[in-house]
Amino acid sequence: MSDRKPAGPRKPGLRENIAGLRPIAGLLATVALSRSAVVLYPFYGVYLATERHGLTVEVIGLIVGMFGVGALIAGVASGALAARVREQRLAVMGLAGVAVIVVVISTTTQLWVLAALTALWGFCYELVNPIAYTLVARVMPEAQRRFAFSAVRLAINLGMGIGPVIAGILFNVSPGLLPWGTAIGYVVSAFILARARITADPAAAADDATAADTDAAGAGPGRAGPRFWSFIAATTPIHLAYALPSTVASVYVIHTLGESAAWASAIFAVNAFLVLTVEIALNHAMLDLTRRTSLLIGYVCAIVGFVLMGFGSYQTWLLLVATAVWTVGEMIVYPVMPDHISAITPDRHKVRNMGFYTAHFNLGVVLAPLIFLPLVQGIGPVASWSLVGAVLLIGLVATAAISNSPALWGRENVPRPEPAAEPAPVGT
């Protein structure tokens, strides 16, 4: 299988690719603003402890954990819901649902009502993600999708960098402001998305039709399902590994290594700085590489970076080097994965498969800390992070194997489409 796409029209420059994001400008604005409005969740545990004095730490942990349960259900159920409600409208409903639910949470004191509302909050919050990925897959031509997915990630990370800062300010003024900050931001986000005219390039629709026809006729009946599930299985190590920084990095640095909190903050700062400044340019530079090659490069960066995290127990500065390396892997693999799912999924199953993809990610967030924290206490930092690297190596080998099988990987190397003169509205 060739590592580079065949020669075609001139590769667009970075500015041209950025200009090509106009059809999803409203979606990008919605994602950035809604993530900036996630001010209650980062402080949810302390908010409950402050505003609901009768709750114990164990009960607060249970309530906060229900958010992840709702998010997992949303990923699995999004495809069925999108079959009944137009996708853009469904995302607007999810955004509006978050606004309503957090306001109700601010007035509720009963334990089980809080738990149920938190699960519903997680459901509405996560419902937007597979819809956003699906809209990108429908709107953007295949040759530009990876770049578009990296732009969505930039919007997400920009918002998630701003949100905790706003949350800290609001919490210092009054914890009771947090639900209202989230509600106002999500109402505005829902309005922006409802008014957005998300348009599709005819080339994108042609790509989808070709993919569906290939799965239905050229590649044999039922081929799309095995391709998707084999890809999900092969990339499971990625989700498990990349759940670790956000869930256990602070515990690892402060409690396991006995270092100051400043080192934990530095890890997050290095990751955020690289994602916000490098990811768009990096994915633009790699557009000529196939999805297979890009994913394998990302796997290698992840393996090296996470193994180095263990050696930070000897030299603390290696934690920052490790973070830079695995962040490069993150910036490569996370735009490639939804891009590949878009390419191998027939149009009628796009929302469903994107939902399973986001649920897969959330499952990693749930399982990774449960596995890793006891492990690092039992066998030590170097062995634990080396085991993470070994699991990633298994994923690399599995990905290399399925990507060498046209039956399990699907098509690559499509010509770069010409820009469309007049995009047409997305239909459902």
Protein backbone atom coordinates (compact mmCIF):
# COMPACT_ATOMS: atom_id res chain seq x y z
CA MET A 1 0.00 0.00 0.00
CA SER A 2 1.45 3.37 -1.00
CA ASP A 3 2.39 5.81 1.74
CA ARG A 4 1.46 8.87 -0.29
CA LYS A 5 -1.58 9.83 -2.28
CA PRO A 6 -1.15 9.88 -6.06
CA ALA A 7 -0.32 13.12 -7.82
CA GLY A 8 -3.34 15.32 -8.39
CA PRO A 9 -4.23 19.00 -8.33
CA ARG A 10 -1.91 21.37 -6.48
CA LYS A 11 -1.95 20.96 -2.71
CA PRO A 12 -3.78 23.92 -1.15
CA GLY A 13 -1.79 26.16 1.17
CA LEU A 14 -2.53 26.54 4.86
CA ARG A 15 -4.52 29.73 4.29
CA GLU A 16 -6.59 28.03 1.60
CA ASN A 17 -7.35 25.12 3.89
CA ILE A 18 -8.37 27.51 6.66
CA ALA A 19 -10.59 29.39 4.21
CA GLY A 20 -12.07 26.03 3.21
CA LEU A 21 -13.49 25.69 6.74
CA ARG A 22 -16.16 28.33 6.00
CA PRO A 23 -18.93 25.72 5.53
CA ILE A 24 -18.46 24.61 9.15
CA ALA A 25 -17.68 28.03 10.65
CA GLY A 26 -20.94 28.04 12.63
CA LEU A 27 -20.21 24.56 13.95
CA LEU A 28 -16.69 25.54 15.01
CA ALA A 29 -18.01 28.64 16.79
CA THR A 30 -20.61 26.52 18.56
CA VAL A 31 -18.05 23.97 19.72
CA ALA A 32 -15.60 26.61 20.98
CA LEU A 33 -18.27 28.59 22.84
CA SER A 34 -20.01 25.59 24.37
CA ARG A 35 -16.71 24.15 25.64
CA SER A 36 -15.81 27.57 27.07
CA ALA A 37 -19.13 27.44 28.92
CA VAL A 38 -18.26 24.15 30.65
CA VAL A 39 -17.67 26.00 33.91
CA LEU A 40 -19.77 23.91 36.29
CA TYR A 41 -18.28 20.48 35.55
CA PRO A 42 -14.62 21.20 36.50
CA PHE A 43 -15.85 22.47 39.88
CA TYR A 44 -18.87 20.19 40.19
CA GLY A 45 -17.56 18.16 43.12
CA VAL A 46 -16.56 21.21 45.16
CA TYR A 47 -19.78 22.96 44.10
CA LEU A 48 -21.82 20.11 45.57
CA ALA A 49 -19.70 20.10 48.72
CA THR A 50 -20.18 23.85 49.11
CA GLU A 51 -23.85 24.14 48.17
CA ARG A 52 -25.16 20.76 49.42
CA HIS A 53 -23.71 20.46 52.92
CA GLY A 54 -25.38 17.14 53.71
CA LEU A 55 -23.53 15.17 51.02
CA THR A 56 -20.55 13.01 51.93
CA VAL A 57 -17.44 12.71 49.77
CA GLU A 58 -18.49 9.22 48.65
CA VAL A 59 -21.93 10.42 47.60
CA ILE A 60 -20.46 13.38 45.72
CA GLY A 61 -18.16 10.97 43.86
CA LEU A 62 -21.17 8.86 42.91
CA ILE A 63 -23.09 11.87 41.62
CA VAL A 64 -20.15 13.21 39.60
CA GLY A 65 -19.55 9.73 38.15
CA MET A 66 -23.09 9.65 36.76
CA PHE A 67 -22.00 12.26 34.22
CA GLY A 68 -19.76 9.67 32.55
CA VAL A 69 -22.56 7.10 32.57
CA GLY A 70 -24.85 9.50 30.72
CA ALA A 71 -22.08 10.34 28.24
CA LEU A 72 -21.52 6.65 27.46
CA ILE A 73 -25.24 6.10 26.84
CA ALA A 74 -25.35 9.14 24.54
CA GLY A 75 -22.58 7.75 22.35
CA VAL A 76 -24.40 4.46 21.90
CA ALA A 77 -27.86 6.01 21.42
CA SER A 78 -26.94 8.92 19.13
CA GLY A 79 -27.37 6.95 15.92
CA ALA A 80 -30.90 5.83 16.79
CA LEU A 81 -31.88 9.37 17.79
CA ALA A 82 -30.42 10.86 14.60
CA ALA A 83 -32.54 8.45 12.57
CA ARG A 84 -35.62 10.22 13.96
CA VAL A 85 -34.46 13.82 14.41
CA ARG A 86 -32.50 15.92 11.92
CA GLU A 87 -28.86 15.94 13.01
CA GLN A 88 -28.34 19.67 13.40
CA ARG A 89 -31.63 19.99 15.29
CA LEU A 90 -30.63 17.10 17.56
CA ALA A 91 -27.37 18.86 18.45
CA VAL A 92 -29.28 22.08 19.20
CA MET A 93 -31.59 20.08 21.48
CA GLY A 94 -28.56 18.65 23.28
CA LEU A 95 -27.09 22.11 23.85
CA ALA A 96 -30.40 23.50 25.07
CA GLY A 97 -30.85 20.42 27.25
CA VAL A 98 -27.57 21.12 29.06
CA ALA A 99 -28.69 24.69 29.78
CA VAL A 100 -32.01 23.57 31.26
CA ILE A 101 -30.56 20.70 33.28
CA VAL A 102 -27.81 22.68 35.03
CA VAL A 103 -30.35 25.31 36.08
CA VAL A 104 -32.55 22.57 37.55
CA ILE A 105 -29.50 21.08 39.30
CA SER A 106 -28.91 24.45 40.98
CA THR A 107 -32.34 24.20 42.63
CA THR A 108 -32.31 20.49 43.54
CA THR A 109 -31.25 19.00 46.87
CA GLN A 110 -32.47 15.38 46.67
CA LEU A 111 -29.67 12.86 46.16
CA TRP A 112 -31.20 10.58 43.55
CA VAL A 113 -32.65 13.49 41.61
CA LEU A 114 -29.17 15.03 41.47
CA ALA A 115 -27.71 11.72 40.29
CA ALA A 116 -30.35 11.32 37.57
CA LEU A 117 -29.99 14.93 36.43
CA THR A 118 -26.20 14.58 36.29
CA ALA A 119 -26.52 11.50 34.07
CA LEU A 120 -28.96 13.38 31.82
CA TRP A 121 -26.52 16.31 31.75
CA GLY A 122 -23.73 13.98 30.59
CA PHE A 123 -26.08 12.54 27.97
CA CYS A 124 -26.97 15.94 26.48
CA TYR A 125 -23.36 17.14 26.68
CA GLU A 126 -21.98 14.12 24.82
CA LEU A 127 -24.80 14.02 22.27
CA VAL A 128 -23.29 17.03 20.52
CA ASN A 129 -19.93 15.36 19.83
CA PRO A 130 -20.90 12.58 17.37
CA ILE A 131 -23.24 15.01 15.62
CA ALA A 132 -20.42 17.52 15.19
CA TYR A 133 -18.10 14.85 13.75
CA THR A 134 -20.87 13.63 11.45
CA LEU A 135 -21.61 17.12 10.14
CA VAL A 136 -17.91 17.56 9.33
CA ALA A 137 -17.93 14.19 7.53
CA ARG A 138 -20.99 15.20 5.49
CA VAL A 139 -19.87 18.72 4.68
CA MET A 140 -16.16 18.46 3.91
CA PRO A 141 -14.62 16.66 0.93
CA GLU A 142 -12.59 13.64 1.96
CA ALA A 143 -9.24 15.21 1.12
CA GLN A 144 -9.95 18.08 3.57
CA ARG A 145 -11.67 16.17 6.38
CA ARG A 146 -8.58 15.43 8.43
CA PHE A 147 -7.75 19.13 8.48
CA ALA A 148 -11.37 19.92 9.40
CA PHE A 149 -11.33 17.39 12.25
CA SER A 150 -8.14 18.99 13.57
CA ALA A 151 -9.97 22.35 13.47
CA VAL A 152 -12.78 20.85 15.55
CA ARG A 153 -10.19 19.60 18.06
CA LEU A 154 -8.67 23.08 18.15
CA ALA A 155 -12.10 24.55 18.93
CA ILE A 156 -12.62 21.95 21.67
CA ASN A 157 -9.22 22.54 23.26
CA LEU A 158 -9.53 26.32 23.00
CA GLY A 159 -12.85 26.17 24.82
CA MET A 160 -11.58 23.73 27.42
CA GLY A 161 -8.65 26.04 28.10
CA ILE A 162 -10.91 29.05 28.60
CA GLY A 163 -13.67 27.29 30.56
CA PRO A 164 -11.73 26.41 33.74
CA VAL A 165 -10.35 29.96 33.92
CA ILE A 166 -13.87 31.41 33.80
CA ALA A 167 -14.98 28.75 36.27
CA GLY A 168 -12.30 29.77 38.77
CA ILE A 169 -13.33 33.41 38.54
CA LEU A 170 -17.03 32.62 38.99
CA PHE A 171 -16.35 30.24 41.87
CA ASN A 172 -14.34 32.88 43.72
CA VAL A 173 -17.22 35.33 43.33
CA SER A 174 -19.94 32.81 44.23
CA PRO A 175 -20.22 29.05 43.60
CA GLY A 176 -23.90 29.58 42.81
CA LEU A 177 -22.90 31.39 39.59
CA LEU A 178 -21.40 28.27 38.02
CA PRO A 179 -24.68 26.67 36.79
CA TRP A 180 -25.81 30.00 35.38
CA GLY A 181 -22.51 30.52 33.56
CA THR A 182 -22.88 27.12 31.90
CA ALA A 183 -26.56 27.72 31.11
CA ILE A 184 -26.01 31.10 29.47
CA GLY A 185 -23.09 29.82 27.38
CA TYR A 186 -25.06 26.81 26.19
CA VAL A 187 -28.15 28.86 25.32
CA VAL A 188 -26.00 31.13 23.15
CA SER A 189 -24.29 28.08 21.60
CA ALA A 190 -27.66 26.51 20.78
CA PHE A 191 -28.78 29.76 19.15
CA ILE A 192 -25.60 29.96 17.02
CA LEU A 193 -25.96 26.36 15.83
CA ALA A 194 -29.68 26.75 15.14
CA ARG A 195 -28.95 29.78 12.96
CA ALA A 196 -25.88 28.29 11.27
CA ARG A 197 -26.24 27.39 7.61
CA ILE A 198 -23.96 24.38 7.48
CA THR A 199 -23.41 23.69 3.81
CA ALA A 200 -22.03 20.70 1.97
CA ASP A 201 -19.59 20.61 -0.89
CA PRO A 202 -21.04 18.34 -3.62
CA ALA A 203 -17.65 16.60 -3.66
CA ALA A 204 -18.22 15.51 -0.08
CA ALA A 205 -21.55 13.98 -0.97
CA ALA A 206 -19.94 12.26 -3.93
CA ASP A 207 -17.24 10.81 -1.69
CA ASP A 208 -19.89 9.45 0.69
CA ALA A 209 -21.86 7.94 -2.14
CA THR A 210 -18.75 6.31 -3.56
CA ALA A 211 -17.83 4.87 -0.17
CA ALA A 212 -21.31 3.49 0.30
CA ASP A 213 -21.36 2.01 -3.21
CA THR A 214 -17.96 0.42 -2.65
CA ASP A 215 -19.09 -1.20 0.57
CA ALA A 216 -22.35 -2.38 -0.93
CA ALA A 217 -21.05 -3.65 -4.25
CA GLY A 218 -17.33 -3.51 -4.91
CA ALA A 219 -16.10 -4.76 -1.56
CA GLY A 220 -18.85 -7.26 -0.91
CA PRO A 221 -21.99 -7.03 1.22
CA GLY A 222 -21.62 -6.25 4.89
CA ARG A 223 -17.96 -5.20 4.58
CA ALA A 224 -18.50 -1.82 6.32
CA GLY A 225 -19.30 -3.44 9.68
CA PRO A 226 -16.14 -5.58 9.98
CA ARG A 227 -14.02 -2.63 8.84
CA PHE A 228 -15.44 -0.38 11.54
CA TRP A 229 -15.25 -2.88 14.38
CA SER A 230 -11.77 -4.07 13.49
CA PHE A 231 -10.63 -0.44 13.46
CA ILE A 232 -12.29 0.21 16.82
CA ALA A 233 -10.56 -2.87 18.29
CA ALA A 234 -7.15 -1.93 16.89
CA THR A 235 -7.35 1.64 18.24
CA THR A 236 -8.58 0.72 21.74
CA PRO A 237 -5.02 1.14 23.16
CA ILE A 238 -5.00 4.75 21.95
CA HIS A 239 -8.09 5.64 23.97
CA LEU A 240 -6.82 3.85 27.06
CA ALA A 241 -3.41 5.54 26.92
CA TYR A 242 -4.65 9.04 26.14
CA ALA A 243 -7.19 8.89 28.96
CA LEU A 244 -4.29 8.75 31.42
CA PRO A 245 -2.95 12.33 31.22
CA SER A 246 -6.28 13.94 32.06
CA THR A 247 -7.25 11.42 34.74
CA VAL A 248 -4.05 10.35 36.53
CA ALA A 249 -1.26 12.78 35.62
CA SER A 250 -1.74 14.99 38.67
CA VAL A 251 -1.99 11.99 41.01
CA TYR A 252 1.07 10.40 39.41
CA VAL A 253 3.22 13.52 39.68
CA ILE A 254 2.17 14.69 43.14
CA HIS A 255 1.51 11.46 45.04
CA THR A 256 3.53 8.78 43.22
CA LEU A 257 6.60 10.86 42.39
CA GLY A 258 6.30 13.26 45.31
CA GLU A 259 6.84 16.31 43.11
CA SER A 260 5.16 19.71 43.46
CA ALA A 261 1.86 20.54 41.80
CA ALA A 262 3.77 22.91 39.51
CA TRP A 263 5.11 19.93 37.56
CA ALA A 264 1.59 18.62 37.02
CA SER A 265 0.49 22.05 35.83
CA ALA A 266 3.50 22.16 33.50
CA ILE A 267 2.42 18.89 31.86
CA PHE A 268 -1.02 20.32 31.09
CA ALA A 269 0.53 23.61 29.94
CA VAL A 270 2.91 21.90 27.48
CA ASN A 271 0.09 19.77 26.10
CA ALA A 272 -2.29 22.73 25.70
CA PHE A 273 0.37 24.99 24.17
CA LEU A 274 1.35 22.45 21.51
CA VAL A 275 -2.24 21.55 20.63
CA LEU A 276 -3.28 25.19 20.27
CA THR A 277 -0.21 26.31 18.31
CA VAL A 278 0.93 23.29 16.31
CA GLU A 279 -1.95 20.93 15.53
CA ILE A 280 -3.48 22.80 12.58
CA ALA A 281 -0.11 23.29 10.86
CA LEU A 282 0.96 19.71 11.60
CA ASN A 283 -2.15 18.20 10.06
CA HIS A 284 -1.89 20.51 7.07
CA ALA A 285 1.69 19.32 6.52
CA MET A 286 0.62 15.66 6.73
CA LEU A 287 -2.35 15.83 4.35
CA ASP A 288 -0.39 14.00 1.63
CA LEU A 289 0.21 11.02 3.90
CA THR A 290 -2.29 8.20 3.94
CA ARG A 291 -4.40 7.61 7.00
CA ARG A 292 -2.48 4.35 7.58
CA THR A 293 0.92 6.02 7.61
CA SER A 294 -0.28 8.93 9.75
CA LEU A 295 -1.85 6.62 12.32
CA LEU A 296 1.27 4.46 12.58
CA ILE A 297 3.46 7.56 13.06
CA GLY A 298 1.09 8.72 15.79
CA TYR A 299 1.30 5.32 17.47
CA VAL A 300 5.11 5.51 17.52
CA CYS A 301 5.03 8.96 19.12
CA ALA A 302 2.55 7.73 21.71
CA ILE A 303 4.67 4.69 22.58
CA VAL A 304 7.85 6.73 23.03
CA GLY A 305 6.08 9.50 24.96
CA PHE A 306 4.25 7.29 27.43
CA VAL A 307 7.29 5.09 28.10
CA LEU A 308 9.27 8.26 28.85
CA MET A 309 6.64 9.24 31.43
CA GLY A 310 7.93 6.39 33.61
CA PHE A 311 11.51 7.61 33.39
CA GLY A 312 10.31 10.94 34.78
CA SER A 313 10.71 9.20 38.14
CA TYR A 314 14.50 9.54 37.65
CA GLN A 315 14.67 12.96 36.00
CA THR A 316 11.55 15.08 36.47
CA TRP A 317 12.24 17.22 33.40
CA LEU A 318 11.71 14.08 31.29
CA LEU A 319 8.00 14.42 32.09
CA LEU A 320 7.87 17.53 29.92
CA VAL A 321 9.84 15.88 27.10
CA ALA A 322 7.51 12.89 27.31
CA THR A 323 4.46 15.17 27.23
CA ALA A 324 5.71 16.92 24.10
CA VAL A 325 6.25 13.56 22.35
CA TRP A 326 2.90 11.98 23.23
CA THR A 327 1.15 15.27 22.43
CA VAL A 328 2.53 15.07 18.89
CA GLY A 329 1.02 11.59 18.70
CA GLU A 330 -2.29 12.93 20.02
CA MET A 331 -2.36 15.69 17.41
CA ILE A 332 -1.87 13.09 14.67
CA VAL A 333 -4.12 10.21 15.71
CA TYR A 334 -7.22 12.04 16.88
CA PRO A 335 -7.97 13.82 13.57
CA VAL A 336 -7.06 10.65 11.63
CA MET A 337 -9.45 8.34 13.51
CA PRO A 338 -12.73 10.16 12.73
CA ASP A 339 -11.40 10.79 9.22
CA HIS A 340 -10.97 7.05 8.69
CA ILE A 341 -14.34 6.24 10.21
CA SER A 342 -15.92 8.76 7.81
CA ALA A 343 -14.21 7.08 4.87
CA ILE A 344 -15.27 3.51 5.71
CA THR A 345 -18.81 4.23 6.92
CA PRO A 346 -21.83 4.37 4.60
CA ASP A 347 -23.82 7.57 4.89
CA ARG A 348 -26.76 6.01 6.73
CA HIS A 349 -24.52 4.78 9.56
CA LYS A 350 -22.31 7.85 10.07
CA VAL A 351 -23.96 9.19 13.22
CA ARG A 352 -24.16 5.72 14.74
CA ASN A 353 -20.49 4.96 14.14
CA MET A 354 -19.37 8.39 15.32
CA GLY A 355 -21.43 7.78 18.44
CA PHE A 356 -19.71 4.47 19.07
CA TYR A 357 -16.37 6.20 18.48
CA THR A 358 -17.06 8.85 21.14
CA ALA A 359 -18.43 6.19 23.51
CA HIS A 360 -15.22 4.23 22.93
CA PHE A 361 -13.22 7.27 23.99
CA ASN A 362 -15.36 7.79 27.11
CA LEU A 363 -14.99 4.12 28.03
CA GLY A 364 -11.23 4.65 28.04
CA VAL A 365 -11.66 7.60 30.40
CA VAL A 366 -13.63 5.36 32.79
CA LEU A 367 -11.38 2.29 32.65
CA ALA A 368 -7.85 3.70 32.34
CA PRO A 369 -7.51 5.21 35.83
CA LEU A 370 -9.16 2.18 37.42
CA ILE A 371 -6.47 -0.03 35.86
CA PHE A 372 -3.43 2.25 36.04
CA LEU A 373 -3.51 3.63 39.58
CA PRO A 374 -3.38 0.24 41.34
CA LEU A 375 -0.80 -0.88 38.78
CA VAL A 376 1.61 2.00 39.43
CA GLN A 377 1.35 1.38 43.18
CA GLY A 378 2.13 -2.29 42.69
CA ILE A 379 4.94 -2.40 40.11
CA GLY A 380 6.28 1.16 40.04
CA PRO A 381 6.38 4.01 37.50
CA VAL A 382 8.84 2.64 34.91
CA ALA A 383 7.18 -0.78 34.65
CA SER A 384 3.68 0.71 34.60
CA TRP A 385 4.34 3.22 31.82
CA SER A 386 6.35 0.62 29.90
CA LEU A 387 3.29 -1.62 30.06
CA VAL A 388 1.25 1.24 28.61
CA GLY A 389 3.81 1.42 25.80
CA ALA A 390 3.54 -2.35 25.26
CA VAL A 391 -0.25 -2.11 24.98
CA LEU A 392 0.18 0.68 22.43
CA LEU A 393 2.67 -1.49 20.53
CA ILE A 394 0.01 -4.20 20.30
CA GLY A 395 -2.34 -1.58 18.87
CA LEU A 396 0.29 -0.48 16.36
CA VAL A 397 0.82 -4.05 15.15
CA ALA A 398 -2.93 -4.65 14.94
CA THR A 399 -3.45 -1.42 12.98
CA ALA A 400 -0.59 -2.28 10.62
CA ALA A 401 -2.13 -5.72 10.06
CA ILE A 402 -5.67 -4.56 9.27
CA SER A 403 -4.42 -1.65 7.15
CA ASN A 404 -2.63 -4.16 4.89
CA SER A 405 -5.95 -5.90 4.26
CA PRO A 406 -8.21 -4.05 1.78
CA ALA A 407 -11.13 -6.06 3.14
CA LEU A 408 -10.61 -4.66 6.65
CA TRP A 409 -9.21 -1.22 5.86
CA GLY A 410 -11.06 0.02 2.80
CA ARG A 411 -9.97 2.51 0.23
CA GLU A 412 -7.28 5.17 0.42
CA ASN A 413 -5.49 7.39 -2.09
CA VAL A 414 -8.47 9.32 -3.44
CA PRO A 415 -7.71 12.26 -5.76
CA ARG A 416 -7.94 15.72 -4.23
CA PRO A 417 -11.31 17.19 -5.29
CA GLU A 418 -11.64 20.57 -6.93
CA PRO A 419 -13.27 23.29 -4.78
CA ALA A 420 -17.02 23.53 -5.23
CA ALA A 421 -18.41 26.75 -6.63
CA GLU A 422 -21.73 26.80 -4.78
CA PRO A 423 -22.20 24.54 -1.75
CA ALA A 424 -25.66 23.09 -1.16
CA PRO A 425 -27.43 22.81 2.23
CA VAL A 426 -27.03 19.57 4.08
CA GLY A 427 -30.08 17.36 3.81
CA THR A 428 -31.17 14.46 5.93
